[in-house]
Amino acid sequence: MWPEMKVLCDVHISYKVSNFFRNNKIEAIHVNEFLDGSYTKDKDICLFADQHDYIVVTKDIDFRNSHFLSKTPKKLIRIGLGKISNVQLIEILSENLEAIRKICSNESFILEINSDIIYIVQE
């Protein structure tokens, strides 16, 4: 059995991705569903995620930079695939869900999904 996994999808991540996680029995919220919605500042997203043990799922490189410079958000999945369809993104996430589940119990990590390879950097 895998540890509990919770994801917080950033504004540029489709609701379809949130639903993909929910359909796989993973707690998922979209930033548009709480706080100030799409107006929520990155630092507030990070604070909420860290306080409630969510993994931030984003395309925004600012979260990656914040992770390395300020150690927040503690848990991050950064999508660096450019313009791909939601169907393609969900397919990639689905193919790698086991690997994602394995690292989610770590105190801090960044998983970077790029065009050719999935990089997992654990701290």
PDB file of N, CA and C in Angstrom:
ATOM      1  N   MET A   1       0.840  -1.185   0.000  1.00  0.00           N
ATOM      2  CA  MET A   1       0.000   0.000   0.000  1.00  0.00           C
ATOM      3  C   MET A   1       0.878   1.239   0.000  1.00  0.00           C
ATOM      4  N   TRP A   2       0.481   2.211  -0.794  1.00  0.00           N
ATOM      5  CA  TRP A   2       1.249   3.450  -0.901  1.00  0.00           C
ATOM      6  C   TRP A   2       0.850   4.432   0.188  1.00  0.00           C
ATOM      7  N   PRO A   3       1.777   5.320   0.567  1.00  0.00           N
ATOM      8  CA  PRO A   3       1.414   6.351   1.536  1.00  0.00           C
ATOM      9  C   PRO A   3       0.391   7.312   0.918  1.00  0.00           C
ATOM     10  N   GLU A   4      -0.321   7.999   1.784  1.00  0.00           N
ATOM     11  CA  GLU A   4      -1.303   8.972   1.306  1.00  0.00           C
ATOM     12  C   GLU A   4      -0.609  10.024   0.447  1.00  0.00           C
ATOM     13  N   MET A   5      -1.251  10.374  -0.633  1.00  0.00           N
ATOM     14  CA  MET A   5      -0.691  11.354  -1.549  1.00  0.00           C
ATOM     15  C   MET A   5      -1.733  12.432  -1.781  1.00  0.00           C
ATOM     16  N   LYS A   6      -1.305  13.694  -1.681  1.00  0.00           N
ATOM     17  CA  LYS A   6      -2.208  14.815  -1.902  1.00  0.00           C
ATOM     18  C   LYS A   6      -1.534  15.784  -2.862  1.00  0.00           C
ATOM     19  N   VAL A   7      -2.269  16.229  -3.873  1.00  0.00           N
ATOM     20  CA  VAL A   7      -1.705  17.162  -4.843  1.00  0.00           C
ATOM     21  C   VAL A   7      -2.528  18.436  -4.907  1.00  0.00           C
ATOM     22  N   LEU A   8      -1.813  19.519  -5.158  1.00  0.00           N
ATOM     23  CA  LEU A   8      -2.412  20.831  -5.357  1.00  0.00           C
ATOM     24  C   LEU A   8      -1.996  21.289  -6.754  1.00  0.00           C
ATOM     25  N   CYS A   9      -2.944  21.403  -7.654  1.00  0.00           N
ATOM     26  CA  CYS A   9      -2.644  21.786  -9.028  1.00  0.00           C
ATOM     27  C   CYS A   9      -2.662  23.303  -9.172  1.00  0.00           C
ATOM     28  N   ASP A  10      -1.615  23.832  -9.744  1.00  0.00           N
ATOM     29  CA  ASP A  10      -1.476  25.267  -9.969  1.00  0.00           C
ATOM     30  C   ASP A  10      -2.427  25.719 -11.070  1.00  0.00           C
ATOM     31  N   VAL A  11      -2.545  27.013 -11.226  1.00  0.00           N
ATOM     32  CA  VAL A  11      -3.521  27.625 -12.131  1.00  0.00           C
ATOM     33  C   VAL A  11      -3.384  27.161 -13.587  1.00  0.00           C
ATOM     34  N   HIS A  12      -2.193  26.876 -14.055  1.00  0.00           N
ATOM     35  CA  HIS A  12      -1.998  26.491 -15.451  1.00  0.00           C
ATOM     36  C   HIS A  12      -2.086  24.982 -15.685  1.00  0.00           C
ATOM     37  N   ILE A  13      -2.475  24.265 -14.661  1.00  0.00           N
ATOM     38  CA  ILE A  13      -2.724  22.827 -14.774  1.00  0.00           C
ATOM     39  C   ILE A  13      -4.230  22.639 -14.909  1.00  0.00           C
ATOM     40  N   SER A  14      -4.626  21.863 -15.875  1.00  0.00           N
ATOM     41  CA  SER A  14      -6.041  21.669 -16.177  1.00  0.00           C
ATOM     42  C   SER A  14      -6.772  20.925 -15.054  1.00  0.00           C
ATOM     43  N   TYR A  15      -8.057  21.242 -14.941  1.00  0.00           N
ATOM     44  CA  TYR A  15      -8.906  20.483 -14.027  1.00  0.00           C
ATOM     45  C   TYR A  15      -8.920  19.007 -14.401  1.00  0.00           C
ATOM     46  N   LYS A  16      -8.689  18.692 -15.668  1.00  0.00           N
ATOM     47  CA  LYS A  16      -8.645  17.299 -16.107  1.00  0.00           C
ATOM     48  C   LYS A  16      -7.525  16.548 -15.396  1.00  0.00           C
ATOM     49  N   VAL A  17      -6.426  17.233 -15.124  1.00  0.00           N
ATOM     50  CA  VAL A  17      -5.315  16.608 -14.402  1.00  0.00           C
ATOM     51  C   VAL A  17      -5.717  16.375 -12.949  1.00  0.00           C
ATOM     52  N   SER A  18      -6.370  17.362 -12.334  1.00  0.00           N
ATOM     53  CA  SER A  18      -6.888  17.168 -10.970  1.00  0.00           C
ATOM     54  C   SER A  18      -7.822  15.970 -10.921  1.00  0.00           C
ATOM     55  N   ASN A  19      -8.700  15.870 -11.909  1.00  0.00           N
ATOM     56  CA  ASN A  19      -9.634  14.742 -11.958  1.00  0.00           C
ATOM     57  C   ASN A  19      -8.918  13.417 -12.174  1.00  0.00           C
ATOM     58  N   PHE A  20      -7.839  13.424 -12.956  1.00  0.00           N
ATOM     59  CA  PHE A  20      -7.038  12.213 -13.134  1.00  0.00           C
ATOM     60  C   PHE A  20      -6.541  11.720 -11.774  1.00  0.00           C
ATOM     61  N   PHE A  21      -5.996  12.624 -10.966  1.00  0.00           N
ATOM     62  CA  PHE A  21      -5.506  12.222  -9.650  1.00  0.00           C
ATOM     63  C   PHE A  21      -6.649  11.698  -8.791  1.00  0.00           C
ATOM     64  N   ARG A  22      -7.769  12.405  -8.769  1.00  0.00           N
ATOM     65  CA  ARG A  22      -8.929  11.957  -7.983  1.00  0.00           C
ATOM     66  C   ARG A  22      -9.403  10.576  -8.422  1.00  0.00           C
ATOM     67  N   ASN A  23      -9.418  10.358  -9.730  1.00  0.00           N
ATOM     68  CA  ASN A  23      -9.850   9.049 -10.251  1.00  0.00           C
ATOM     69  C   ASN A  23      -8.897   7.930  -9.865  1.00  0.00           C
ATOM     70  N   ASN A  24      -7.687   8.298  -9.446  1.00  0.00           N
ATOM     71  CA  ASN A  24      -6.703   7.316  -8.987  1.00  0.00           C
ATOM     72  C   ASN A  24      -6.573   7.322  -7.469  1.00  0.00           C
ATOM     73  N   LYS A  25      -7.649   7.775  -6.817  1.00  0.00           N
ATOM     74  CA  LYS A  25      -7.745   7.753  -5.355  1.00  0.00           C
ATOM     75  C   LYS A  25      -6.662   8.595  -4.672  1.00  0.00           C
ATOM     76  N   ILE A  26      -6.354   9.726  -5.295  1.00  0.00           N
ATOM     77  CA  ILE A  26      -5.389  10.674  -4.754  1.00  0.00           C
ATOM     78  C   ILE A  26      -6.139  11.968  -4.473  1.00  0.00           C
ATOM     79  N   GLU A  27      -5.998  12.472  -3.260  1.00  0.00           N
ATOM     80  CA  GLU A  27      -6.636  13.741  -2.936  1.00  0.00           C
ATOM     81  C   GLU A  27      -6.034  14.829  -3.816  1.00  0.00           C
ATOM     82  N   ALA A  28      -6.892  15.582  -4.492  1.00  0.00           N
ATOM     83  CA  ALA A  28      -6.414  16.631  -5.396  1.00  0.00           C
ATOM     84  C   ALA A  28      -7.297  17.858  -5.297  1.00  0.00           C
ATOM     85  N   ILE A  29      -6.647  19.007  -5.214  1.00  0.00           N
ATOM     86  CA  ILE A  29      -7.373  20.271  -5.272  1.00  0.00           C
ATOM     87  C   ILE A  29      -6.707  21.143  -6.334  1.00  0.00           C
ATOM     88  N   HIS A  30      -7.490  22.030  -6.887  1.00  0.00           N
ATOM     89  CA  HIS A  30      -6.989  22.979  -7.876  1.00  0.00           C
ATOM     90  C   HIS A  30      -6.962  24.344  -7.207  1.00  0.00           C
ATOM     91  N   VAL A  31      -5.935  25.127  -7.493  1.00  0.00           N
ATOM     92  CA  VAL A  31      -5.792  26.434  -6.848  1.00  0.00           C
ATOM     93  C   VAL A  31      -7.032  27.299  -7.068  1.00  0.00           C
ATOM     94  N   ASN A  32      -7.743  27.100  -8.154  1.00  0.00           N
ATOM     95  CA  ASN A  32      -8.953  27.892  -8.403  1.00  0.00           C
ATOM     96  C   ASN A  32     -10.094  27.541  -7.453  1.00  0.00           C
ATOM     97  N   GLU A  33      -9.942  26.458  -6.684  1.00  0.00           N
ATOM     98  CA  GLU A  33     -11.002  25.999  -5.788  1.00  0.00           C
ATOM     99  C   GLU A  33     -10.857  26.528  -4.355  1.00  0.00           C
ATOM    100  N   PHE A  34      -9.824  27.282  -4.068  1.00  0.00           N
ATOM    101  CA  PHE A  34      -9.631  27.750  -2.693  1.00  0.00           C
ATOM    102  C   PHE A  34      -8.793  29.019  -2.675  1.00  0.00           C
ATOM    103  N   LEU A  35      -8.577  29.534  -1.474  1.00  0.00           N
ATOM    104  CA  LEU A  35      -7.832  30.772  -1.259  1.00  0.00           C
ATOM    105  C   LEU A  35      -8.368  31.858  -2.192  1.00  0.00           C
ATOM    106  N   ASP A  36      -7.496  32.490  -2.975  1.00  0.00           N
ATOM    107  CA  ASP A  36      -7.924  33.561  -3.879  1.00  0.00           C
ATOM    108  C   ASP A  36      -8.017  33.080  -5.321  1.00  0.00           C
ATOM    109  N   GLY A  37      -8.222  31.796  -5.506  1.00  0.00           N
ATOM    110  CA  GLY A  37      -8.348  31.238  -6.843  1.00  0.00           C
ATOM    111  C   GLY A  37      -7.127  31.531  -7.694  1.00  0.00           C
ATOM    112  N   SER A  38      -7.362  31.934  -8.928  1.00  0.00           N
ATOM    113  CA  SER A  38      -6.247  32.188  -9.850  1.00  0.00           C
ATOM    114  C   SER A  38      -5.412  33.394  -9.442  1.00  0.00           C
ATOM    115  N   TYR A  39      -5.903  34.167  -8.480  1.00  0.00           N
ATOM    116  CA  TYR A  39      -5.146  35.331  -7.993  1.00  0.00           C
ATOM    117  C   TYR A  39      -4.241  34.992  -6.809  1.00  0.00           C
ATOM    118  N   THR A  40      -4.266  33.749  -6.372  1.00  0.00           N
ATOM    119  CA  THR A  40      -3.450  33.342  -5.233  1.00  0.00           C
ATOM    120  C   THR A  40      -1.972  33.477  -5.577  1.00  0.00           C
ATOM    121  N   LYS A  41      -1.232  34.092  -4.696  1.00  0.00           N
ATOM    122  CA  LYS A  41       0.200  34.292  -4.915  1.00  0.00           C
ATOM    123  C   LYS A  41       0.948  32.983  -4.709  1.00  0.00           C
ATOM    124  N   ASP A  42       2.044  32.842  -5.453  1.00  0.00           N
ATOM    125  CA  ASP A  42       2.866  31.630  -5.352  1.00  0.00           C
ATOM    126  C   ASP A  42       3.266  31.339  -3.916  1.00  0.00           C
ATOM    127  N   LYS A  43       3.669  32.362  -3.168  1.00  0.00           N
ATOM    128  CA  LYS A  43       4.114  32.133  -1.784  1.00  0.00           C
ATOM    129  C   LYS A  43       2.986  31.580  -0.920  1.00  0.00           C
ATOM    130  N   ASP A  44       1.735  31.997  -1.203  1.00  0.00           N
ATOM    131  CA  ASP A  44       0.597  31.474  -0.442  1.00  0.00           C
ATOM    132  C   ASP A  44       0.286  30.029  -0.831  1.00  0.00           C
ATOM    133  N   ILE A  45       0.485  29.708  -2.104  1.00  0.00           N
ATOM    134  CA  ILE A  45       0.320  28.320  -2.550  1.00  0.00           C
ATOM    135  C   ILE A  45       1.355  27.442  -1.849  1.00  0.00           C
ATOM    136  N   CYS A  46       2.599  27.912  -1.837  1.00  0.00           N
ATOM    137  CA  CYS A  46       3.674  27.149  -1.176  1.00  0.00           C
ATOM    138  C   CYS A  46       3.391  26.955   0.301  1.00  0.00           C
ATOM    139  N   LEU A  47       2.980  28.008   0.970  1.00  0.00           N
ATOM    140  CA  LEU A  47       2.698  27.940   2.401  1.00  0.00           C
ATOM    141  C   LEU A  47       1.575  26.940   2.680  1.00  0.00           C
ATOM    142  N   PHE A  48       0.497  27.036   1.929  1.00  0.00           N
ATOM    143  CA  PHE A  48      -0.621  26.114   2.106  1.00  0.00           C
ATOM    144  C   PHE A  48      -0.176  24.669   1.852  1.00  0.00           C
ATOM    145  N   ALA A  49       0.542  24.458   0.761  1.00  0.00           N
ATOM    146  CA  ALA A  49       1.001  23.106   0.415  1.00  0.00           C
ATOM    147  C   ALA A  49       1.896  22.536   1.505  1.00  0.00           C
ATOM    148  N   ASP A  50       2.832  23.325   1.982  1.00  0.00           N
ATOM    149  CA  ASP A  50       3.751  22.848   3.018  1.00  0.00           C
ATOM    150  C   ASP A  50       3.035  22.577   4.335  1.00  0.00           C
ATOM    151  N   GLN A  51       2.099  23.422   4.693  1.00  0.00           N
ATOM    152  CA  GLN A  51       1.371  23.240   5.955  1.00  0.00           C
ATOM    153  C   GLN A  51       0.458  22.021   5.930  1.00  0.00           C
ATOM    154  N   HIS A  52      -0.054  21.680   4.749  1.00  0.00           N
ATOM    155  CA  HIS A  52      -1.034  20.602   4.646  1.00  0.00           C
ATOM    156  C   HIS A  52      -0.511  19.383   3.897  1.00  0.00           C
ATOM    157  N   ASP A  53       0.800  19.344   3.664  1.00  0.00           N
ATOM    158  CA  ASP A  53       1.482  18.209   3.042  1.00  0.00           C
ATOM    159  C   ASP A  53       0.970  17.890   1.640  1.00  0.00           C
ATOM    160  N   TYR A  54       0.767  18.929   0.831  1.00  0.00           N
ATOM    161  CA  TYR A  54       0.396  18.753  -0.568  1.00  0.00           C
ATOM    162  C   TYR A  54       1.635  18.809  -1.447  1.00  0.00           C
ATOM    163  N   ILE A  55       1.561  18.125  -2.564  1.00  0.00           N
ATOM    164  CA  ILE A  55       2.569  18.214  -3.620  1.00  0.00           C
ATOM    165  C   ILE A  55       2.046  19.236  -4.622  1.00  0.00           C
ATOM    166  N   VAL A  56       2.820  20.266  -4.888  1.00  0.00           N
ATOM    167  CA  VAL A  56       2.411  21.255  -5.884  1.00  0.00           C
ATOM    168  C   VAL A  56       2.721  20.697  -7.267  1.00  0.00           C
ATOM    169  N   VAL A  57       1.720  20.721  -8.151  1.00  0.00           N
ATOM    170  CA  VAL A  57       1.886  20.314  -9.541  1.00  0.00           C
ATOM    171  C   VAL A  57       1.772  21.583 -10.374  1.00  0.00           C
ATOM    172  N   THR A  58       2.812  21.896 -11.132  1.00  0.00           N
ATOM    173  CA  THR A  58       2.861  23.170 -11.833  1.00  0.00           C
ATOM    174  C   THR A  58       3.666  23.076 -13.119  1.00  0.00           C
ATOM    175  N   LYS A  59       3.484  24.070 -13.964  1.00  0.00           N
ATOM    176  CA  LYS A  59       4.330  24.269 -15.140  1.00  0.00           C
ATOM    177  C   LYS A  59       5.270  25.449 -14.902  1.00  0.00           C
ATOM    178  N   ASP A  60       5.049  26.174 -13.833  1.00  0.00           N
ATOM    179  CA  ASP A  60       5.727  27.434 -13.538  1.00  0.00           C
ATOM    180  C   ASP A  60       7.133  27.197 -12.972  1.00  0.00           C
ATOM    181  N   ILE A  61       8.127  27.712 -13.662  1.00  0.00           N
ATOM    182  CA  ILE A  61       9.518  27.532 -13.213  1.00  0.00           C
ATOM    183  C   ILE A  61       9.805  28.277 -11.911  1.00  0.00           C
ATOM    184  N   ASP A  62       8.990  29.276 -11.585  1.00  0.00           N
ATOM    185  CA  ASP A  62       9.197  30.015 -10.338  1.00  0.00           C
ATOM    186  C   ASP A  62       9.099  29.100  -9.124  1.00  0.00           C
ATOM    187  N   PHE A  63       8.232  28.093  -9.186  1.00  0.00           N
ATOM    188  CA  PHE A  63       8.115  27.146  -8.068  1.00  0.00           C
ATOM    189  C   PHE A  63       9.380  26.297  -7.949  1.00  0.00           C
ATOM    190  N   ARG A  64       9.955  25.934  -9.071  1.00  0.00           N
ATOM    191  CA  ARG A  64      11.216  25.180  -9.059  1.00  0.00           C
ATOM    192  C   ARG A  64      12.314  26.020  -8.413  1.00  0.00           C
ATOM    193  N   ASN A  65      12.406  27.266  -8.839  1.00  0.00           N
ATOM    194  CA  ASN A  65      13.420  28.156  -8.270  1.00  0.00           C
ATOM    195  C   ASN A  65      13.201  28.337  -6.774  1.00  0.00           C
ATOM    196  N   SER A  66      11.965  28.523  -6.369  1.00  0.00           N
ATOM    197  CA  SER A  66      11.648  28.683  -4.956  1.00  0.00           C
ATOM    198  C   SER A  66      12.010  27.431  -4.160  1.00  0.00           C
ATOM    199  N   HIS A  67      11.773  26.270  -4.748  1.00  0.00           N
ATOM    200  CA  HIS A  67      12.107  25.008  -4.074  1.00  0.00           C
ATOM    201  C   HIS A  67      13.606  24.949  -3.768  1.00  0.00           C
ATOM    202  N   PHE A  68      14.421  25.295  -4.761  1.00  0.00           N
ATOM    203  CA  PHE A  68      15.862  25.219  -4.566  1.00  0.00           C
ATOM    204  C   PHE A  68      16.410  26.364  -3.715  1.00  0.00           C
ATOM    205  N   LEU A  69      15.854  27.550  -3.852  1.00  0.00           N
ATOM    206  CA  LEU A  69      16.383  28.709  -3.131  1.00  0.00           C
ATOM    207  C   LEU A  69      15.830  28.841  -1.716  1.00  0.00           C
ATOM    208  N   SER A  70      14.543  28.544  -1.556  1.00  0.00           N
ATOM    209  CA  SER A  70      13.884  28.776  -0.267  1.00  0.00           C
ATOM    210  C   SER A  70      13.334  27.519   0.384  1.00  0.00           C
ATOM    211  N   LYS A  71      13.517  26.377  -0.283  1.00  0.00           N
ATOM    212  CA  LYS A  71      13.035  25.078   0.222  1.00  0.00           C
ATOM    213  C   LYS A  71      11.513  25.032   0.347  1.00  0.00           C
ATOM    214  N   THR A  72      10.818  25.805  -0.501  1.00  0.00           N
ATOM    215  CA  THR A  72       9.362  25.793  -0.518  1.00  0.00           C
ATOM    216  C   THR A  72       8.873  25.975  -1.948  1.00  0.00           C
ATOM    217  N   PRO A  73       7.944  25.220  -2.415  1.00  0.00           N
ATOM    218  CA  PRO A  73       7.261  24.147  -1.706  1.00  0.00           C
ATOM    219  C   PRO A  73       8.203  22.970  -1.482  1.00  0.00           C
ATOM    220  N   LYS A  74       7.940  22.254  -0.413  1.00  0.00           N
ATOM    221  CA  LYS A  74       8.790  21.109  -0.083  1.00  0.00           C
ATOM    222  C   LYS A  74       8.661  19.997  -1.116  1.00  0.00           C
ATOM    223  N   LYS A  75       7.443  19.830  -1.625  1.00  0.00           N
ATOM    224  CA  LYS A  75       7.162  18.739  -2.568  1.00  0.00           C
ATOM    225  C   LYS A  75       6.635  19.351  -3.860  1.00  0.00           C
ATOM    226  N   LEU A  76       7.282  18.992  -4.960  1.00  0.00           N
ATOM    227  CA  LEU A  76       6.966  19.649  -6.222  1.00  0.00           C
ATOM    228  C   LEU A  76       7.066  18.693  -7.397  1.00  0.00           C
ATOM    229  N   ILE A  77       6.052  18.743  -8.255  1.00  0.00           N
ATOM    230  CA  ILE A  77       6.114  18.093  -9.561  1.00  0.00           C
ATOM    231  C   ILE A  77       6.034  19.220 -10.577  1.00  0.00           C
ATOM    232  N   ARG A  78       7.099  19.404 -11.328  1.00  0.00           N
ATOM    233  CA  ARG A  78       7.137  20.467 -12.336  1.00  0.00           C
ATOM    234  C   ARG A  78       7.052  19.853 -13.718  1.00  0.00           C
ATOM    235  N   ILE A  79       6.063  20.309 -14.469  1.00  0.00           N
ATOM    236  CA  ILE A  79       5.829  19.837 -15.826  1.00  0.00           C
ATOM    237  C   ILE A  79       6.563  20.778 -16.772  1.00  0.00           C
ATOM    238  N   GLY A  80       7.580  20.277 -17.450  1.00  0.00           N
ATOM    239  CA  GLY A  80       8.359  21.078 -18.379  1.00  0.00           C
ATOM    240  C   GLY A  80       8.245  20.554 -19.795  1.00  0.00           C
ATOM    241  N   LEU A  81       7.042  20.266 -20.213  1.00  0.00           N
ATOM    242  CA  LEU A  81       6.824  19.616 -21.498  1.00  0.00           C
ATOM    243  C   LEU A  81       6.371  20.565 -22.598  1.00  0.00           C
ATOM    244  N   GLY A  82       6.316  21.844 -22.322  1.00  0.00           N
ATOM    245  CA  GLY A  82       5.847  22.773 -23.337  1.00  0.00           C
ATOM    246  C   GLY A  82       4.364  22.581 -23.581  1.00  0.00           C
ATOM    247  N   LYS A  83       3.968  22.846 -24.795  1.00  0.00           N
ATOM    248  CA  LYS A  83       2.544  22.750 -25.133  1.00  0.00           C
ATOM    249  C   LYS A  83       2.208  21.343 -25.587  1.00  0.00           C
ATOM    250  N   ILE A  84       1.708  20.567 -24.651  1.00  0.00           N
ATOM    251  CA  ILE A  84       1.201  19.241 -24.987  1.00  0.00           C
ATOM    252  C   ILE A  84      -0.258  19.204 -24.564  1.00  0.00           C
ATOM    253  N   SER A  85      -0.986  18.280 -25.100  1.00  0.00           N
ATOM    254  CA  SER A  85      -2.405  18.176 -24.750  1.00  0.00           C
ATOM    255  C   SER A  85      -2.555  17.617 -23.339  1.00  0.00           C
ATOM    256  N   ASN A  86      -3.708  17.862 -22.757  1.00  0.00           N
ATOM    257  CA  ASN A  86      -4.004  17.287 -21.445  1.00  0.00           C
ATOM    258  C   ASN A  86      -4.023  15.773 -21.515  1.00  0.00           C
ATOM    259  N   VAL A  87      -4.486  15.242 -22.626  1.00  0.00           N
ATOM    260  CA  VAL A  87      -4.514  13.783 -22.812  1.00  0.00           C
ATOM    261  C   VAL A  87      -3.089  13.230 -22.752  1.00  0.00           C
ATOM    262  N   GLN A  88      -2.159  13.884 -23.437  1.00  0.00           N
ATOM    263  CA  GLN A  88      -0.757  13.431 -23.415  1.00  0.00           C
ATOM    264  C   GLN A  88      -0.169  13.545 -22.012  1.00  0.00           C
ATOM    265  N   LEU A  89      -0.437  14.662 -21.329  1.00  0.00           N
ATOM    266  CA  LEU A  89       0.088  14.846 -19.975  1.00  0.00           C
ATOM    267  C   LEU A  89      -0.464  13.774 -19.041  1.00  0.00           C
ATOM    268  N   ILE A  90      -1.745  13.523 -19.117  1.00  0.00           N
ATOM    269  CA  ILE A  90      -2.360  12.512 -18.257  1.00  0.00           C
ATOM    270  C   ILE A  90      -1.789  11.130 -18.565  1.00  0.00           C
ATOM    271  N   GLU A  91      -1.536  10.862 -19.827  1.00  0.00           N
ATOM    272  CA  GLU A  91      -0.928   9.585 -20.211  1.00  0.00           C
ATOM    273  C   GLU A  91       0.457   9.437 -19.582  1.00  0.00           C
ATOM    274  N   ILE A  92       1.259  10.488 -19.614  1.00  0.00           N
ATOM    275  CA  ILE A  92       2.601  10.459 -19.019  1.00  0.00           C
ATOM    276  C   ILE A  92       2.500  10.278 -17.510  1.00  0.00           C
ATOM    277  N   LEU A  93       1.595  11.012 -16.879  1.00  0.00           N
ATOM    278  CA  LEU A  93       1.417  10.867 -15.426  1.00  0.00           C
ATOM    279  C   LEU A  93       0.962   9.453 -15.081  1.00  0.00           C
ATOM    280  N   SER A  94       0.051   8.917 -15.869  1.00  0.00           N
ATOM    281  CA  SER A  94      -0.457   7.577 -15.632  1.00  0.00           C
ATOM    282  C   SER A  94       0.650   6.533 -15.739  1.00  0.00           C
ATOM    283  N   GLU A  95       1.479   6.659 -16.767  1.00  0.00           N
ATOM    284  CA  GLU A  95       2.580   5.711 -16.973  1.00  0.00           C
ATOM    285  C   GLU A  95       3.599   5.763 -15.845  1.00  0.00           C
ATOM    286  N   ASN A  96       3.674   6.889 -15.152  1.00  0.00           N
ATOM    287  CA  ASN A  96       4.685   7.077 -14.114  1.00  0.00           C
ATOM    288  C   ASN A  96       4.096   7.234 -12.721  1.00  0.00           C
ATOM    289  N   LEU A  97       2.840   6.892 -12.568  1.00  0.00           N
ATOM    290  CA  LEU A  97       2.169   7.082 -11.285  1.00  0.00           C
ATOM    291  C   LEU A  97       2.812   6.277 -10.160  1.00  0.00           C
ATOM    292  N   GLU A  98       3.267   5.076 -10.470  1.00  0.00           N
ATOM    293  CA  GLU A  98       3.917   4.259  -9.430  1.00  0.00           C
ATOM    294  C   GLU A  98       5.180   4.946  -8.904  1.00  0.00           C
ATOM    295  N   ALA A  99       5.987   5.496  -9.795  1.00  0.00           N
ATOM    296  CA  ALA A  99       7.202   6.201  -9.377  1.00  0.00           C
ATOM    297  C   ALA A  99       6.858   7.440  -8.562  1.00  0.00           C
ATOM    298  N   ILE A 100       5.813   8.134  -8.983  1.00  0.00           N
ATOM    299  CA  ILE A 100       5.383   9.327  -8.253  1.00  0.00           C
ATOM    300  C   ILE A 100       4.923   8.942  -6.855  1.00  0.00           C
ATOM    301  N   ARG A 101       4.144   7.881  -6.770  1.00  0.00           N
ATOM    302  CA  ARG A 101       3.655   7.425  -5.455  1.00  0.00           C
ATOM    303  C   ARG A 101       4.812   7.032  -4.532  1.00  0.00           C
ATOM    304  N   LYS A 102       5.848   6.448  -5.092  1.00  0.00           N
ATOM    305  CA  LYS A 102       6.983   5.995  -4.275  1.00  0.00           C
ATOM    306  C   LYS A 102       7.703   7.147  -3.591  1.00  0.00           C
ATOM    307  N   ILE A 103       7.810   8.272  -4.275  1.00  0.00           N
ATOM    308  CA  ILE A 103       8.581   9.371  -3.680  1.00  0.00           C
ATOM    309  C   ILE A 103       7.744  10.330  -2.843  1.00  0.00           C
ATOM    310  N   CYS A 104       6.421  10.191  -2.904  1.00  0.00           N
ATOM    311  CA  CYS A 104       5.578  11.187  -2.243  1.00  0.00           C
ATOM    312  C   CYS A 104       5.709  11.189  -0.725  1.00  0.00           C
ATOM    313  N   SER A 105       6.218  10.131  -0.146  1.00  0.00           N
ATOM    314  CA  SER A 105       6.377  10.106   1.310  1.00  0.00           C
ATOM    315  C   SER A 105       7.651  10.812   1.772  1.00  0.00           C
ATOM    316  N   ASN A 106       8.523  11.164   0.840  1.00  0.00           N
ATOM    317  CA  ASN A 106       9.732  11.900   1.216  1.00  0.00           C
ATOM    318  C   ASN A 106       9.366  13.276   1.758  1.00  0.00           C
ATOM    319  N   GLU A 107      10.166  13.750   2.666  1.00  0.00           N
ATOM    320  CA  GLU A 107       9.924  15.054   3.286  1.00  0.00           C
ATOM    321  C   GLU A 107      10.019  16.193   2.270  1.00  0.00           C
ATOM    322  N   SER A 108      10.919  16.041   1.314  1.00  0.00           N
ATOM    323  CA  SER A 108      11.125  17.098   0.327  1.00  0.00           C
ATOM    324  C   SER A 108      11.632  16.473  -0.972  1.00  0.00           C
ATOM    325  N   PHE A 109      11.054  16.892  -2.089  1.00  0.00           N
ATOM    326  CA  PHE A 109      11.530  16.396  -3.380  1.00  0.00           C
ATOM    327  C   PHE A 109      11.049  17.302  -4.497  1.00  0.00           C
ATOM    328  N   ILE A 110      11.702  17.165  -5.625  1.00  0.00           N
ATOM    329  CA  ILE A 110      11.211  17.746  -6.865  1.00  0.00           C
ATOM    330  C   ILE A 110      11.267  16.656  -7.917  1.00  0.00           C
ATOM    331  N   LEU A 111      10.164  16.514  -8.625  1.00  0.00           N
ATOM    332  CA  LEU A 111      10.102  15.596  -9.735  1.00  0.00           C
ATOM    333  C   LEU A 111       9.879  16.475 -10.957  1.00  0.00           C
ATOM    334  N   GLU A 112      10.805  16.410 -11.883  1.00  0.00           N
ATOM    335  CA  GLU A 112      10.703  17.249 -13.063  1.00  0.00           C
ATOM    336  C   GLU A 112      10.417  16.377 -14.273  1.00  0.00           C
ATOM    337  N   ILE A 113       9.300  16.632 -14.916  1.00  0.00           N
ATOM    338  CA  ILE A 113       8.895  15.857 -16.074  1.00  0.00           C
ATOM    339  C   ILE A 113       9.197  16.695 -17.309  1.00  0.00           C
ATOM    340  N   ASN A 114      10.164  16.219 -18.095  1.00  0.00           N
ATOM    341  CA  ASN A 114      10.585  16.908 -19.315  1.00  0.00           C
ATOM    342  C   ASN A 114      10.268  16.052 -20.528  1.00  0.00           C
ATOM    343  N   SER A 115      10.546  16.565 -21.715  1.00  0.00           N
ATOM    344  CA  SER A 115      10.110  15.931 -22.958  1.00  0.00           C
ATOM    345  C   SER A 115      10.641  14.519 -23.162  1.00  0.00           C
ATOM    346  N   ASP A 116      11.870  14.249 -22.820  1.00  0.00           N
ATOM    347  CA  ASP A 116      12.435  12.941 -23.098  1.00  0.00           C
ATOM    348  C   ASP A 116      12.509  12.035 -21.872  1.00  0.00           C
ATOM    349  N   ILE A 117      12.807  12.623 -20.741  1.00  0.00           N
ATOM    350  CA  ILE A 117      13.126  11.837 -19.557  1.00  0.00           C
ATOM    351  C   ILE A 117      12.416  12.429 -18.352  1.00  0.00           C
ATOM    352  N   ILE A 118      12.109  11.568 -17.416  1.00  0.00           N
ATOM    353  CA  ILE A 118      11.605  12.049 -16.135  1.00  0.00           C
ATOM    354  C   ILE A 118      12.779  12.066 -15.177  1.00  0.00           C
ATOM    355  N   TYR A 119      13.050  13.223 -14.632  1.00  0.00           N
ATOM    356  CA  TYR A 119      14.123  13.376 -13.669  1.00  0.00           C
ATOM    357  C   TYR A 119      13.519  13.399 -12.290  1.00  0.00           C
ATOM    358  N   ILE A 120      14.080  12.617 -11.398  1.00  0.00           N
ATOM    359  CA  ILE A 120      13.646  12.663 -10.012  1.00  0.00           C
ATOM    360  C   ILE A 120      14.827  13.117  -9.183  1.00  0.00           C
ATOM    361  N   VAL A 121      14.651  14.252  -8.548  1.00  0.00           N
ATOM    362  CA  VAL A 121      15.695  14.778  -7.677  1.00  0.00           C
ATOM    363  C   VAL A 121      15.129  14.711  -6.263  1.00  0.00           C
ATOM    364  N   GLN A 122      15.766  13.953  -5.415  1.00  0.00           N
ATOM    365  CA  GLN A 122      15.308  13.847  -4.028  1.00  0.00           C
ATOM    366  C   GLN A 122      16.331  14.493  -3.129  1.00  0.00           C
ATOM    367  N   GLU A 123      15.811  15.171  -2.127  1.00  0.00           N
ATOM    368  CA  GLU A 123      16.705  15.845  -1.166  1.00  0.00           C
ATOM    369  C   GLU A 123      16.625  15.158   0.172  1.00  0.00           C
TER     370      GLU A 123
END
